Protein backbone atom coordinates (compact mmCIF):
# COMPACT_ATOMS: atom_id res chain seq x y z
CA MET A 1 92.68 8.38 -165.95
CA SER A 2 94.98 9.08 -163.05
CA GLY A 3 95.94 6.77 -160.21
CA THR A 4 97.24 6.38 -156.70
CA LEU A 5 100.74 5.66 -155.48
CA GLU A 6 101.89 3.97 -152.28
CA ILE A 7 105.52 3.82 -151.16
CA ASN A 8 105.76 1.36 -148.28
CA HIS A 9 109.02 1.19 -146.30
CA VAL A 10 111.21 1.35 -149.41
CA SER A 11 114.99 1.11 -149.09
CA GLN A 12 117.68 0.94 -151.74
CA SER A 13 121.45 0.58 -151.53
CA TYR A 14 124.42 0.63 -153.88
CA GLY A 15 126.83 -1.82 -152.31
CA ALA A 16 127.39 -0.73 -148.72
CA HIS A 17 125.97 2.74 -149.39
CA THR A 18 122.32 3.18 -148.37
CA VAL A 19 120.63 5.67 -150.71
CA LEU A 20 117.02 5.27 -149.58
CA ASN A 21 116.29 4.42 -145.96
CA ASP A 22 112.78 3.14 -145.18
CA ILE A 23 110.74 5.83 -146.95
CA SER A 24 106.94 5.72 -146.96
CA PHE A 25 104.24 8.00 -148.34
CA ARG A 26 100.96 7.79 -150.21
CA LEU A 27 99.49 9.94 -152.98
CA ARG A 28 95.77 10.13 -153.59
CA ASP A 29 94.35 10.28 -157.08
CA GLY A 30 95.19 13.61 -158.75
CA ALA A 31 97.54 14.85 -156.01
CA ILE A 32 100.75 16.71 -156.79
CA ALA A 33 103.67 15.98 -154.47
CA CYS A 34 107.30 16.98 -154.31
CA LEU A 35 110.45 15.32 -153.01
CA LEU A 36 112.57 18.25 -151.89
CA GLY A 37 116.16 18.15 -150.77
CA ALA A 38 119.78 18.90 -151.49
CA SER A 39 121.87 17.01 -154.01
CA GLY A 40 122.66 13.48 -152.82
CA CYS A 41 119.69 13.17 -150.44
CA GLY A 42 118.14 10.28 -152.44
CA LYS A 43 115.25 12.05 -154.16
CA THR A 44 116.25 11.13 -157.73
CA THR A 45 116.86 7.51 -156.73
CA ALA A 46 113.35 7.45 -155.24
CA LEU A 47 111.96 8.72 -158.55
CA ARG A 48 113.92 6.10 -160.50
CA CYS A 49 112.60 3.35 -158.25
CA ILE A 50 109.04 4.56 -158.78
CA ALA A 51 109.63 4.62 -162.54
CA GLY A 52 111.02 1.07 -162.50
CA PHE A 53 114.53 2.04 -163.58
CA GLU A 54 115.95 0.83 -160.24
CA PRO A 55 115.00 -2.19 -158.08
CA VAL A 56 114.22 -1.85 -154.38
CA ALA A 57 116.16 -3.63 -151.62
CA ALA A 58 113.22 -3.56 -149.20
CA GLY A 59 109.58 -2.52 -149.10
CA GLU A 60 107.19 -2.18 -152.00
CA ILE A 61 105.87 0.31 -154.53
CA VAL A 62 102.17 0.05 -155.34
CA ILE A 63 100.62 1.83 -158.33
CA ASN A 64 96.84 1.76 -158.73
CA GLY A 65 96.57 -1.05 -156.21
CA ARG A 66 99.12 -3.31 -157.94
CA VAL A 67 102.60 -4.03 -156.64
CA ALA A 68 105.07 -2.59 -159.15
CA SER A 69 108.28 -3.21 -157.17
CA ARG A 70 109.39 -5.36 -154.28
CA PRO A 71 112.69 -7.16 -153.58
CA GLY A 72 113.33 -9.53 -156.47
CA TYR A 73 110.44 -8.20 -158.59
CA VAL A 74 110.22 -5.14 -160.84
CA THR A 75 107.42 -4.38 -163.29
CA PRO A 76 109.13 -2.94 -166.41
CA PRO A 77 108.88 0.86 -166.80
CA GLU A 78 106.87 0.56 -170.01
CA SER A 79 104.21 -1.46 -168.17
CA ARG A 80 103.67 1.06 -165.36
CA ARG A 81 101.70 3.72 -167.29
CA ILE A 82 104.12 6.39 -166.13
CA GLY A 83 104.97 9.65 -167.91
CA MET A 84 108.32 11.32 -167.31
CA VAL A 85 109.61 14.82 -167.96
CA PHE A 86 113.34 15.39 -167.58
CA GLN A 87 115.57 18.37 -166.90
CA ASP A 88 116.99 18.33 -170.43
CA TYR A 89 113.60 17.86 -172.20
CA ALA A 90 114.88 14.72 -174.05
CA LEU A 91 113.05 15.65 -177.26
CA PHE A 92 113.95 14.11 -180.61
CA PRO A 93 115.55 16.93 -182.63
CA HIS A 94 114.81 15.25 -186.00
CA LEU A 95 111.08 14.96 -185.27
CA THR A 96 108.52 17.74 -185.47
CA VAL A 97 106.61 18.86 -182.39
CA ALA A 98 103.61 16.79 -183.52
CA ARG A 99 105.69 13.66 -184.05
CA ASN A 100 107.45 14.14 -180.70
CA ILE A 101 104.11 14.31 -178.93
CA ALA A 102 102.75 11.32 -180.85
CA PHE A 103 105.81 9.19 -180.13
CA GLY A 104 104.23 7.42 -177.16
CA LEU A 105 100.94 6.67 -178.87
CA HIS A 106 101.93 3.22 -180.08
CA GLY A 107 99.12 1.15 -181.47
CA ALA A 108 96.76 4.09 -182.03
CA ASP A 109 95.43 4.72 -185.54
CA ASP A 110 96.35 7.87 -187.45
CA ALA A 111 93.11 9.68 -186.70
CA THR A 112 93.41 9.01 -182.97
CA ARG A 113 97.03 10.20 -182.93
CA VAL A 114 96.23 13.41 -184.81
CA ALA A 115 93.27 14.16 -182.54
CA ARG A 116 95.29 13.54 -179.37
CA VAL A 117 98.23 15.65 -180.59
CA ASN A 118 95.92 18.55 -181.46
CA GLU A 119 94.19 18.23 -178.10
CA LEU A 120 97.51 18.38 -176.25
CA LEU A 121 98.82 21.30 -178.29
CA GLU A 122 95.71 23.17 -177.17
CA ILE A 123 96.15 22.07 -173.55
CA VAL A 124 99.79 23.19 -173.32
CA GLY A 125 99.25 26.38 -175.31
CA LEU A 126 101.33 25.48 -178.38
CA ASN A 127 98.79 25.78 -181.18
CA GLY A 128 100.52 26.51 -184.49
CA THR A 129 103.79 24.74 -183.63
CA ALA A 130 102.91 21.21 -184.79
CA GLN A 131 105.26 21.25 -187.79
CA ARG A 132 108.12 23.08 -186.13
CA TYR A 133 111.20 21.35 -184.72
CA PRO A 134 112.39 21.49 -181.08
CA GLN A 135 115.41 23.65 -181.88
CA GLU A 136 113.06 26.29 -183.31
CA LEU A 137 111.33 26.69 -179.95
CA SER A 138 112.28 28.45 -176.72
CA GLY A 139 113.28 26.46 -173.65
CA GLY A 140 109.88 26.97 -172.07
CA GLN A 141 108.13 25.83 -175.26
CA GLN A 142 110.34 22.74 -175.48
CA GLN A 143 109.42 21.82 -171.91
CA ARG A 144 105.73 22.15 -172.82
CA VAL A 145 106.30 19.74 -175.70
CA ALA A 146 107.98 17.30 -173.30
CA LEU A 147 104.99 17.58 -170.97
CA ALA A 148 102.54 17.03 -173.85
CA ARG A 149 104.48 13.95 -174.97
CA ALA A 150 104.39 12.53 -171.44
CA LEU A 151 100.65 13.21 -171.15
CA ALA A 152 99.80 11.75 -174.56
CA PRO A 153 99.25 8.11 -173.48
CA ARG A 154 97.18 9.24 -170.45
CA PRO A 155 99.61 8.01 -167.76
CA ALA A 156 98.51 6.87 -164.32
CA LEU A 157 101.39 8.81 -162.80
CA MET A 158 103.61 11.70 -163.92
CA LEU A 159 107.22 12.00 -162.73
CA LEU A 160 109.05 15.31 -163.11
CA ASP A 161 112.83 15.31 -162.59
CA GLU A 162 114.04 18.91 -162.02
CA PRO A 163 112.04 19.93 -165.13
CA PHE A 164 112.47 23.70 -164.80
CA SER A 165 116.09 24.00 -163.70
CA ASN A 166 117.45 24.87 -167.16
CA LEU A 167 115.15 27.90 -167.45
CA ASP A 168 115.73 31.44 -166.22
CA VAL A 169 114.09 32.44 -162.94
CA GLU A 170 111.15 34.32 -164.44
CA MET A 171 110.34 31.58 -166.95
CA ARG A 172 110.79 28.89 -164.28
CA GLU A 173 108.25 30.52 -161.97
CA ARG A 174 105.71 31.16 -164.71
CA LEU A 175 106.02 27.75 -166.33
CA SER A 176 105.83 25.87 -163.04
CA ILE A 177 102.47 27.54 -162.30
CA GLU A 178 101.20 26.81 -165.80
CA VAL A 179 102.33 23.17 -165.71
CA ARG A 180 100.69 22.71 -162.30
CA ASP A 181 97.43 24.08 -163.70
CA ILE A 182 97.63 21.68 -166.67
CA LEU A 183 98.27 18.67 -164.43
CA LYS A 184 95.46 19.66 -162.08
CA ASN A 185 93.04 20.13 -164.97
CA GLN A 186 94.03 16.69 -166.28
CA ASN A 187 93.75 15.22 -162.73
CA THR A 188 97.21 13.67 -163.18
CA THR A 189 98.85 12.27 -160.05
CA THR A 190 102.34 13.79 -160.07
CA ILE A 191 105.66 13.73 -158.25
CA LEU A 192 108.18 16.53 -158.73
CA VAL A 193 111.81 16.20 -157.68
CA THR A 194 113.62 19.47 -156.99
CA HIS A 195 116.17 21.18 -154.74
CA ASP A 196 114.38 24.53 -155.13
CA GLN A 197 111.99 25.10 -152.22
CA ASN A 198 110.27 28.08 -153.88
CA GLU A 199 109.45 25.82 -156.81
CA ALA A 200 108.25 23.09 -154.47
CA PHE A 201 106.03 25.46 -152.50
CA THR A 202 104.48 26.87 -155.69
CA PHE A 203 103.95 23.50 -157.34
CA ALA A 204 103.04 20.87 -154.77
CA ASP A 205 100.06 20.00 -152.59
CA GLU A 206 102.35 17.93 -150.34
CA ILE A 207 106.11 17.97 -149.86
CA GLY A 208 108.48 15.36 -148.49
CA ILE A 209 111.74 16.88 -147.26
CA MET A 210 114.50 14.33 -147.81
CA THR A 211 117.75 14.14 -145.86
CA ASP A 212 120.26 11.30 -145.86
CA GLY A 213 117.97 8.97 -147.80
CA GLY A 214 114.97 9.40 -145.51
CA ILE A 215 111.90 11.60 -145.39
CA ALA A 216 112.34 13.98 -142.48
CA GLN A 217 108.83 15.44 -142.77
CA TRP A 218 105.91 14.94 -145.15
CA ALA A 219 103.36 17.75 -145.00
CA THR A 220 101.67 20.57 -146.88
CA PRO A 221 103.84 23.59 -147.70
CA TYR A 222 101.91 25.59 -145.09
CA ALA A 223 102.59 23.02 -142.36
CA LEU A 224 106.28 22.72 -143.26
CA TYR A 225 106.66 26.48 -142.93
CA HIS A 226 104.63 26.94 -139.75
CA GLN A 227 104.98 23.54 -138.06
CA PRO A 228 108.46 22.12 -138.76
CA VAL A 229 109.08 18.97 -136.75
CA ASN A 230 112.71 19.75 -135.94
CA ARG A 231 115.23 22.55 -136.00
CA GLU A 232 116.91 21.35 -139.19
CA ILE A 233 113.67 21.61 -141.17
CA ALA A 234 112.88 24.97 -139.56
CA GLU A 235 116.25 26.27 -140.77
CA PHE A 236 115.90 24.69 -144.22
CA VAL A 237 112.40 25.95 -145.03
CA GLY A 238 111.93 29.64 -145.67
CA ARG A 239 113.93 32.31 -143.86
CA GLY A 240 114.14 32.96 -140.17
CA VAL A 241 116.34 33.23 -137.11
CA PHE A 242 116.28 31.71 -133.64
CA LEU A 243 116.14 33.90 -130.56
CA PRO A 244 116.90 32.49 -127.10
CA GLY A 245 114.09 32.39 -124.58
CA VAL A 246 113.19 30.98 -121.20
CA VAL A 247 110.03 29.00 -120.50
CA LEU A 248 107.63 30.44 -117.93
CA THR A 249 104.62 28.82 -116.31
CA GLY A 250 101.56 28.30 -118.49
CA ASN A 251 103.64 27.59 -121.61
CA ARG A 252 104.68 31.22 -121.84
CA ILE A 253 108.12 32.19 -123.15
CA LYS A 254 110.15 35.26 -122.29
CA LEU A 255 112.22 36.74 -125.11
CA GLU A 256 114.22 39.91 -125.51
CA LEU A 257 111.32 41.10 -127.64
CA GLY A 258 108.79 40.50 -124.89
CA GLU A 259 106.70 37.73 -123.46
CA LEU A 260 104.87 35.24 -125.67
CA PRO A 261 101.50 34.05 -124.39
CA GLY A 262 100.77 30.41 -123.61
CA GLY A 263 98.45 28.11 -125.50
CA THR A 264 101.03 26.26 -127.59
CA PRO A 265 102.74 23.18 -126.10
CA ILE A 266 106.38 23.94 -125.33
CA PRO A 267 109.01 21.15 -125.48
CA ALA A 268 110.49 22.09 -122.10
CA ALA A 269 109.52 22.69 -118.47
CA PRO A 270 109.37 26.12 -116.80
CA GLY A 271 112.83 27.55 -116.34
CA ALA A 272 114.28 25.70 -119.34
CA LEU A 273 116.07 27.48 -122.14
CA VAL A 274 114.58 27.28 -125.64
CA ASP A 275 115.20 28.73 -129.08
CA VAL A 276 112.20 30.39 -130.72
CA LEU A 277 111.90 30.56 -134.49
CA LEU A 278 111.07 34.03 -135.77
CA ARG A 279 110.14 34.46 -139.44
CA PRO A 280 110.40 37.83 -141.23
CA ASP A 281 106.59 38.02 -141.22
CA ASP A 282 106.55 37.71 -137.40
CA ILE A 283 108.37 41.05 -136.97
CA LEU A 284 106.16 43.99 -137.92
CA HIS A 285 107.28 47.56 -138.57
CA ASP A 286 105.40 49.81 -136.14
CA ASP A 287 106.41 53.45 -135.72
CA ALA A 288 104.32 53.66 -132.55
CA SER A 289 106.12 50.78 -130.83
CA PRO A 290 108.50 51.61 -127.97
CA LEU A 291 110.71 48.67 -128.99
CA GLN A 292 113.41 49.93 -131.34
CA ALA A 293 115.77 47.96 -133.58
CA LYS A 294 118.64 49.13 -135.75
CA VAL A 295 118.70 48.48 -139.50
CA VAL A 296 121.86 46.45 -140.19
CA THR A 297 121.25 45.38 -143.79
CA LYS A 298 118.39 45.69 -146.26
CA ALA A 299 117.50 44.12 -149.58
CA PHE A 300 115.01 45.76 -151.92
CA ARG A 301 112.47 43.35 -153.43
CA GLY A 302 110.10 45.68 -155.23
CA ALA A 303 107.00 45.58 -153.06
CA GLU A 304 109.02 45.18 -149.88
CA PHE A 305 112.37 45.35 -148.19
CA ILE A 306 113.76 42.52 -146.12
CA TYR A 307 115.57 44.16 -143.23
CA THR A 308 118.11 42.61 -140.89
CA LEU A 309 117.51 44.32 -137.57
CA GLU A 310 119.70 44.40 -134.47
CA LEU A 311 117.88 44.35 -131.15
CA PRO A 312 119.07 46.34 -128.11
CA GLY A 313 120.50 43.17 -126.55
CA GLY A 314 122.48 42.30 -129.67
CA GLY A 315 120.21 39.65 -131.16
CA ARG A 316 119.23 39.94 -134.80
CA VAL A 317 115.92 39.32 -136.55
CA LEU A 318 114.56 39.64 -140.08
CA SER A 319 111.53 41.66 -141.09
CA PHE A 320 109.49 42.15 -144.27
CA VAL A 321 108.67 45.87 -144.54
CA PRO A 322 106.62 47.58 -147.29
CA SER A 323 108.96 49.28 -149.72
CA HIS A 324 107.69 52.82 -149.04
CA HIS A 325 109.41 52.51 -145.64
CA ASN A 326 112.91 53.09 -147.00
CA HIS A 327 115.06 53.36 -143.88
CA ALA A 328 118.80 53.95 -143.90
CA ILE A 329 121.41 51.53 -142.64
CA GLY A 330 122.04 52.38 -138.99
CA GLU A 331 118.61 53.96 -138.49
CA LYS A 332 116.42 52.72 -135.67
CA ILE A 333 112.83 51.74 -136.37
CA GLY A 334 109.92 50.68 -134.21
CA ILE A 335 108.95 47.01 -134.33
CA ARG A 336 106.51 44.68 -132.64
CA LEU A 337 106.24 40.93 -132.43
CA GLU A 338 103.15 39.20 -133.82
CA ILE A 339 103.41 35.39 -133.88
CA ASP A 340 100.47 33.29 -135.01
CA HIS A 341 102.46 30.04 -135.13
CA LEU A 342 104.89 29.59 -132.26
CA VAL A 343 107.78 27.25 -133.05
CA ALA A 344 110.25 26.57 -130.26
CA PHE A 345 112.88 23.90 -129.65
CA ALA A 346 114.63 22.96 -126.42
CA ARG A 347 118.17 24.26 -126.46
CA ASN A 348 120.80 21.53 -126.58
């Protein structure tokens, strides 16, 4: 049975250094969330506080309606019904796969342990490995064993600390999707900590972007990409460039690429200068368009190229173009602007 998690105005410091600064969020039963940010932003400390490995200096952590941490009070980790999966797997090399998985099933009788181990081997796709040892398995298989061990006691909450970072890119992408499916099927409330935004976007229902110990924005991956609350998040999430524009009446904006229609609130009055975020999917290749841009660089990605294009006025944009349009560096191609989500910030 899964559970809910509430983080209410939690702060934590090491001496004079504030690591967590008044963070708050809530996870519903069965939700998968991610704390995303660069090294040193506080995301691992947040996970350790949730697990009960660290106290909190302010605020409270509530798991399944019960306060687990507040200043001066910490419920021990073993009493929180939390499962954890680490970057380095943390398996016992002298124990078989079955005994690793069964390690957390204290107090259960032999028949219950065997049944639960077999059930989990089926769930994580490791049938036939029960009597093998961790060193006989691949990295991806070892991480599945670590997940099965964490799931064995039916935790209220699962915490994943950079669990895929030791794997190669292809295995990381595949395993993250498979682990997400397992956690969703088990309805396990989960928090992932990572610095990899592709991993976060693939894995999580909700993402909290952390900077300097705080949560800069908490939203779905779609909202973070299309509705960033500030320029820093817009630059951090995905790829894109800013083009200068001027605000016209009716919330219209004039760019070198043309005029954007109104309808979206603009953070500036008519006549003000703004910067408009343009994603590669906002710039479409169109041979019939009179607007031409020069190919400056290109990167082949199988199904598509990502082109860096220079506009007549010197500005540069990015564009995803199907790979059968293989244009040479220096060649000019027709483009048109198609923005469904206008993101603009007043220029400082």
